[in-house]
Protein backbone atom coordinates (compact mmCIF):
# COMPACT_ATOMS: atom_id res chain seq x y z
CA MET A 1 0.13 -0.19 0.17
CA LYS A 2 1.52 3.45 -0.39
CA LEU A 3 1.54 5.56 2.08
CA GLY A 4 1.39 9.59 1.90
CA ILE A 5 2.64 11.63 5.15
CA LEU A 6 0.96 15.36 5.56
CA GLY A 7 2.76 17.02 7.35
CA THR A 8 7.40 17.39 8.31
CA GLY A 9 7.74 17.49 12.05
CA LYS A 10 8.82 15.86 14.99
CA ILE A 11 6.86 12.95 15.20
CA VAL A 12 7.54 12.49 10.78
CA ARG A 13 11.26 12.81 11.41
CA GLU A 14 10.71 10.28 14.31
CA PHE A 15 9.31 7.26 13.02
CA LEU A 16 10.27 7.92 9.05
CA PRO A 17 13.89 5.94 9.58
CA TRP A 18 11.67 3.11 10.45
CA LEU A 19 8.61 3.12 7.96
CA ALA A 20 11.07 3.84 5.44
CA GLU A 21 12.76 0.89 5.35
CA HIS A 22 10.36 -1.91 7.86
CA THR A 23 6.71 -0.99 7.86
CA PRO A 24 4.30 -2.92 5.37
CA PHE A 25 3.61 0.47 3.73
CA THR A 26 5.48 2.18 0.96
CA VAL A 27 6.36 6.02 1.39
CA GLN A 28 5.21 7.49 -1.32
CA ALA A 29 5.05 10.92 -0.85
CA ILE A 30 4.97 13.77 1.72
CA CYS A 31 2.71 16.79 1.92
CA SER A 32 4.26 20.17 3.66
CA THR A 33 3.19 23.66 3.50
CA GLU A 34 5.48 26.05 1.01
CA ARG A 35 7.75 27.22 4.65
CA SER A 36 8.26 23.90 4.94
CA ALA A 37 8.86 22.72 1.23
CA GLU A 38 12.37 22.58 1.43
CA ALA A 39 12.64 20.49 4.57
CA ALA A 40 10.28 17.94 3.16
CA GLY A 41 12.36 17.64 -0.19
CA GLU A 42 15.64 16.94 2.28
CA LEU A 43 13.44 14.48 3.66
CA CYS A 44 12.69 12.80 0.17
CA GLU A 45 16.08 12.92 -0.84
CA GLN A 46 16.88 11.37 2.18
CA TYR A 47 14.58 8.30 2.33
CA SER A 48 13.94 8.38 -1.17
CA ILE A 49 10.88 8.99 -1.34
CA PRO A 50 9.23 9.81 -5.02
CA GLN A 51 6.92 12.98 -4.40
CA HIS A 52 7.31 15.44 -2.70
CA THR A 53 4.08 18.32 -3.27
CA THR A 54 2.34 21.16 -1.29
CA ASN A 55 -0.71 20.17 -2.90
CA TYR A 56 -2.99 18.01 -0.26
CA PHE A 57 -5.27 16.77 -3.71
CA GLU A 58 -2.12 15.90 -5.83
CA LEU A 59 -0.85 13.79 -2.64
CA LEU A 60 -4.28 12.39 -2.38
CA GLN A 61 -4.41 10.69 -5.80
CA ASP A 62 -1.24 9.03 -6.02
CA VAL A 63 -1.50 7.44 -2.29
CA ASP A 64 -4.12 4.31 -0.86
CA VAL A 65 -3.56 5.86 3.44
CA VAL A 66 -2.07 8.97 4.44
CA TYR A 67 -0.99 10.18 7.14
CA LEU A 68 -1.67 13.38 9.18
CA ALA A 69 0.92 14.88 11.12
CA VAL A 70 -0.16 18.57 11.67
CA PRO A 71 -0.88 20.63 14.39
CA ASN A 72 -4.02 19.24 16.19
CA ASN A 73 -7.06 21.76 15.28
CA GLN A 74 -6.36 20.59 11.28
CA HIS A 75 -6.78 16.63 11.99
CA ALA A 76 -10.42 17.14 10.99
CA ARG A 77 -10.37 18.90 8.49
CA TYR A 78 -7.83 17.05 6.62
CA ALA A 79 -9.51 13.56 7.77
CA LYS A 80 -12.81 14.24 6.36
CA VAL A 81 -11.50 15.51 3.01
CA ALA A 82 -9.07 12.13 2.92
CA ILE A 83 -12.16 9.96 4.11
CA GLU A 84 -14.34 11.54 1.40
CA ALA A 85 -11.58 11.04 -1.29
CA GLY A 86 -12.25 7.69 -0.07
CA LYS A 87 -8.90 7.27 1.36
CA HIS A 88 -7.92 5.62 4.15
CA VAL A 89 -6.71 7.73 7.51
CA ILE A 90 -4.37 7.44 10.12
CA VAL A 91 -4.52 10.72 12.35
CA GLU A 92 -2.24 11.95 14.79
CA LYS A 93 -3.58 12.03 18.34
CA PRO A 94 -5.58 13.45 19.28
CA MET A 95 -7.80 12.01 16.65
CA ALA A 96 -10.07 15.16 16.96
CA ILE A 97 -9.68 18.41 19.12
CA ASN A 98 -13.78 17.91 20.60
CA ALA A 99 -16.23 14.72 20.99
CA LEU A 100 -18.26 16.24 18.24
CA GLN A 101 -15.55 16.17 15.83
CA ALA A 102 -14.31 12.54 17.02
CA GLU A 103 -17.62 10.97 16.00
CA GLU A 104 -18.80 12.81 12.99
CA LEU A 105 -15.17 11.45 11.97
CA ALA A 106 -15.81 8.48 12.95
CA ASN A 107 -19.15 7.84 11.20
CA LEU A 108 -18.36 9.19 8.09
CA ALA A 109 -15.58 6.61 7.98
CA ARG A 110 -17.40 3.86 8.29
CA ARG A 111 -20.36 5.30 5.73
CA ARG A 112 -17.65 5.49 3.12
CA LYS A 113 -16.64 1.87 4.61
CA VAL A 114 -12.55 3.37 4.72
CA PHE A 115 -10.14 2.66 8.02
CA LEU A 116 -9.73 5.50 9.96
CA PHE A 117 -7.43 5.19 12.83
CA GLU A 118 -5.78 7.35 15.82
CA ALA A 119 -2.41 6.90 16.01
CA MET A 120 -2.20 5.96 19.87
CA THR A 121 0.99 4.13 20.13
CA THR A 122 -0.30 2.52 23.56
CA GLN A 123 -3.62 0.48 22.31
CA TYR A 124 -1.06 -1.63 19.90
CA LEU A 125 1.96 -2.37 22.32
CA GLU A 126 2.15 -6.12 23.74
CA ASN A 127 3.20 -4.95 27.04
CA TYR A 128 -0.25 -3.06 27.36
CA ASN A 129 -2.05 -6.00 26.25
CA LYS A 130 -0.06 -7.94 29.18
CA ILE A 131 -1.79 -5.11 31.56
CA ARG A 132 -4.82 -5.88 30.27
CA GLU A 133 -3.73 -10.01 31.07
CA LEU A 134 -2.63 -9.37 34.31
CA LEU A 135 -5.85 -6.88 35.72
CA PRO A 136 -7.74 -9.82 37.08
CA ARG A 137 -5.02 -11.27 39.31
CA ILE A 138 -4.96 -7.86 41.32
CA GLY A 139 -8.72 -8.21 42.40
CA THR A 140 -10.72 -5.01 43.28
CA VAL A 141 -9.19 -2.05 41.49
CA LYS A 142 -8.98 0.64 43.42
CA LEU A 143 -6.91 3.68 42.64
CA VAL A 144 -5.08 4.37 39.21
CA GLN A 145 -2.56 6.39 38.85
CA CYS A 146 -0.46 8.02 35.64
CA ASN A 147 2.03 10.83 35.49
CA PHE A 148 3.13 11.76 32.31
CA SER A 149 5.43 14.94 32.61
CA GLN A 150 8.18 16.45 30.56
CA TYR A 151 9.37 19.63 30.60
CA SER A 152 9.08 21.04 26.86
CA SER A 153 11.82 22.00 24.70
CA ARG A 154 9.46 24.79 23.53
CA TYR A 155 8.28 26.18 26.97
CA ASP A 156 11.26 28.61 27.60
CA ALA A 157 10.07 30.07 24.07
CA PHE A 158 6.65 30.23 25.32
CA CYS A 159 7.49 31.95 28.69
CA ALA A 160 9.75 34.76 26.31
CA GLY A 161 6.77 35.34 24.60
CA GLU A 162 7.03 32.65 21.30
CA VAL A 163 3.64 30.70 21.14
CA GLN A 164 4.55 27.70 18.96
CA PRO A 165 1.42 25.51 18.23
CA ALA A 166 2.06 23.19 21.43
CA PHE A 167 1.50 25.93 23.53
CA ASP A 168 -1.14 27.79 21.17
CA PRO A 169 -5.31 27.76 22.35
CA ALA A 170 -6.02 27.97 18.31
CA CYS A 171 -4.16 25.26 17.83
CA ALA A 172 -5.81 22.78 20.39
CA GLY A 173 -2.29 22.45 22.35
CA GLY A 174 -1.57 22.14 25.81
CA ALA A 175 -0.64 19.57 28.44
CA LEU A 176 -3.96 17.50 28.06
CA MET A 177 -4.03 17.43 24.15
CA ASP A 178 -0.35 17.20 24.22
CA LEU A 179 0.23 14.71 26.42
CA GLY A 180 -2.66 13.82 29.05
CA VAL A 181 -4.26 12.19 26.11
CA TYR A 182 -1.67 9.22 26.16
CA ASN A 183 -3.06 8.86 30.34
CA VAL A 184 -6.91 8.53 29.12
CA SER A 185 -6.47 6.51 26.08
CA TYR A 186 -4.52 4.12 28.34
CA ILE A 187 -6.83 4.49 31.01
CA VAL A 188 -10.16 4.46 28.77
CA GLY A 189 -8.59 1.55 26.80
CA LEU A 190 -8.32 -0.98 29.93
CA PHE A 191 -11.50 0.64 31.12
CA GLY A 192 -14.10 2.33 29.37
CA GLU A 193 -15.84 6.15 29.73
CA PRO A 194 -15.53 7.03 33.18
CA ASN A 195 -18.61 8.72 34.69
CA GLN A 196 -17.24 11.86 35.48
CA ALA A 197 -14.16 13.76 34.73
CA LYS A 198 -12.84 17.01 35.97
CA TYR A 199 -9.90 18.86 35.28
CA THR A 200 -7.68 21.23 37.44
CA ALA A 201 -5.01 23.03 35.41
CA ASN A 202 -1.87 25.42 35.36
CA MET A 203 -2.56 28.24 33.35
CA GLU A 204 -0.27 30.22 31.82
CA ARG A 205 -1.72 33.11 28.61
CA GLY A 206 -5.08 30.99 28.13
CA ILE A 207 -3.32 27.65 28.12
CA ASP A 208 -2.43 24.71 30.34
CA THR A 209 1.26 23.80 30.29
CA SER A 210 0.33 20.93 33.39
CA GLY A 211 -2.39 19.80 34.96
CA ILE A 212 -4.34 16.93 36.77
CA LEU A 213 -7.36 14.88 35.60
CA THR A 214 -9.69 12.70 38.57
CA MET A 215 -11.40 10.24 36.72
CA ASP A 216 -14.33 8.91 38.49
CA TYR A 217 -15.57 4.93 38.14
CA SER A 218 -17.59 3.16 39.80
CA GLY A 219 -15.70 1.64 42.81
CA PHE A 220 -12.62 3.38 42.13
CA LYS A 221 -10.46 6.25 41.19
CA ALA A 222 -8.26 7.76 38.19
CA VAL A 223 -6.00 10.14 38.32
CA SER A 224 -3.70 11.39 35.28
CA ILE A 225 -0.96 13.97 35.59
CA ALA A 226 0.26 15.51 32.71
CA ALA A 227 2.87 18.58 32.41
CA LYS A 228 4.85 20.97 29.96
CA ASP A 229 6.80 23.21 32.44
CA CYS A 230 8.28 20.31 35.17
CA ALA A 231 9.66 17.33 34.85
CA ALA A 232 9.70 14.09 36.70
CA PRO A 233 9.72 10.25 36.67
CA ALA A 234 6.79 8.10 34.53
CA ARG A 235 4.87 6.30 37.13
CA TYR A 236 1.78 4.38 36.75
CA ILE A 237 0.14 2.25 38.84
CA ILE A 238 -3.19 0.37 39.03
CA GLN A 239 -3.82 -0.70 42.94
CA GLY A 240 -6.07 -3.42 43.73
CA THR A 241 -6.95 -5.63 46.80
CA LYS A 242 -5.12 -7.94 45.88
CA GLY A 243 -2.00 -6.27 44.27
CA TYR A 244 -0.77 -3.78 42.18
CA ILE A 245 0.58 -3.33 38.80
CA LEU A 246 3.59 -0.81 38.12
CA GLN A 247 4.98 0.60 35.13
CA LYS A 248 7.91 3.40 34.95
CA SER A 249 7.97 4.45 31.60
CA THR A 250 5.56 6.96 29.43
CA ALA A 251 1.88 5.36 28.21
CA ASN A 252 3.11 5.89 24.90
CA CYS A 253 6.16 3.71 25.13
CA CYS A 254 4.38 1.42 27.57
CA GLY A 255 7.37 -0.30 29.08
CA GLY A 256 8.48 -2.93 31.05
CA ILE A 257 5.46 -4.17 33.74
CA THR A 258 5.92 -5.15 36.83
CA PHE A 259 3.24 -7.18 38.80
CA HIS A 260 3.50 -6.68 42.69
CA PRO A 261 0.64 -9.30 44.22
CA ASN A 262 -0.17 -9.15 48.12
CA GLU A 263 1.35 -12.35 48.36
CA GLY A 264 4.23 -13.96 46.59
CA LYS A 265 6.50 -13.07 44.28
CA GLU A 266 6.93 -10.40 41.80
CA GLU A 267 6.67 -11.41 38.28
CA HIS A 268 7.90 -8.65 35.76
CA TYR A 269 7.56 -8.57 31.69
CA ASN A 270 8.58 -6.82 29.07
CA LEU A 271 7.01 -7.60 25.43
CA ASN A 272 7.56 -4.88 23.43
CA GLY A 273 10.42 -6.45 21.69
CA GLY A 274 13.23 -3.39 21.58
CA ARG A 275 11.57 -2.48 18.45
CA PRO A 276 10.20 1.74 17.66
CA ARG A 277 7.00 1.91 19.53
CA GLN A 278 5.22 3.01 16.32
CA ALA A 279 5.81 -0.17 15.01
CA ALA A 280 3.25 -2.35 16.48
CA GLU A 281 0.46 0.00 15.15
CA PHE A 282 1.89 0.48 11.83
CA HIS A 283 1.68 -3.36 11.75
CA ALA A 284 -1.72 -3.53 13.02
CA PHE A 285 -3.19 -1.02 10.67
CA ALA A 286 -1.46 -2.40 7.63
CA ARG A 287 -2.77 -6.16 8.72
CA ALA A 288 -6.45 -4.65 9.27
CA ILE A 289 -6.38 -2.65 5.95
CA GLU A 290 -5.20 -5.43 3.55
CA GLY A 291 -7.33 -8.38 5.69
CA GLY A 292 -10.59 -6.03 5.59
CA ASP A 293 -10.63 -5.66 9.80
CA GLN A 294 -13.40 -3.64 10.11
CA GLU A 295 -14.06 -4.83 13.58
CA LEU A 296 -10.79 -3.93 15.03
CA CYS A 297 -11.27 -0.74 13.20
CA SER A 298 -14.73 0.28 14.75
CA ARG A 299 -12.65 -1.06 18.44
CA MET A 300 -10.56 1.00 18.21
CA LEU A 301 -12.80 4.12 17.12
CA ASP A 302 -14.86 3.50 19.84
CA THR A 303 -11.95 3.79 21.88
CA SER A 304 -10.76 7.54 20.43
CA VAL A 305 -14.44 8.62 20.64
CA ALA A 306 -14.59 7.81 24.16
CA VAL A 307 -11.10 9.32 24.77
CA SER A 308 -12.55 12.58 23.48
CA LYS A 309 -15.29 12.89 25.19
CA VAL A 310 -13.31 12.89 28.43
CA LEU A 311 -11.03 15.37 27.16
CA THR A 312 -13.88 17.43 26.07
CA VAL A 313 -15.47 17.30 29.82
CA ALA A 314 -11.97 18.22 31.14
CA ARG A 315 -11.02 20.83 29.17
CA ARG A 316 -14.52 22.32 29.50
CA SER A 317 -14.13 21.77 33.56
CA ALA A 318 -10.88 23.68 33.66
CA GLY A 319 -12.45 26.88 31.29
CA LEU A 320 -10.24 25.91 28.47
CA LYS A 321 -11.98 26.71 25.17
CA PHE A 322 -10.18 25.87 21.36
């Protein structure tokens, strides 16, 4: 399958070295803005990608699948155009900036019978599947804690008055949409949509630079901490009446797992295989598209929409408006 990429940012430069050599997709083209045309041309030359264009409609004519790596506020717009053109779509997280947009995209993809996937690495990693397997062994879940805090390389510039997309309300940036979305997907993917969600944020110039999201489930509580203005070790802990599960890596990597039973020896697992974190999702997308696995796509869309609902409610509770 021929893959076209829209965007030239950090995430594209992160996965292109692997994607160009090991993926079941053939990277056919990169589409960029005029401003980024030189950078896109260099990427095409470096990774032997046949085509560079600044015209999105031209890109869609020559590919089977499009990967959207543009600012958050543009995800729904470009995804809709691609779906209407009958193309399969892989869209960077978050799938859309609000629940209404996410539901509209999911419904459109189902009507047009094309595949739409949110590039949420967590959901496709073997360690995440292992957590699902281990959950019954910790007994009744009582508390879930997630902390994804990284001091942003763009935060100093933001403090100096420069606003880049990661901190721009107009681009649906901020800590919740950039990092907290991973935590929410991690929690919702395991436990479904919560009964309530409330977000308390540190706000600077109309954007959340860090914050705490609480999610209320029947019988247990979940907490997501996300920060771009300070750093801390990643900690993901699921506590139950018979033990707990611990990860010391961020949700997007979903690294090694330790299962601590109340009685007996602790157990350690790391099943991701040392591959780039995007490898599992790209292979899952390719298998689904080639095999016509609409069930997987529909299940993943349901999760993405549920995550978008939580993010939408959370932002409103904090007074964040996009």
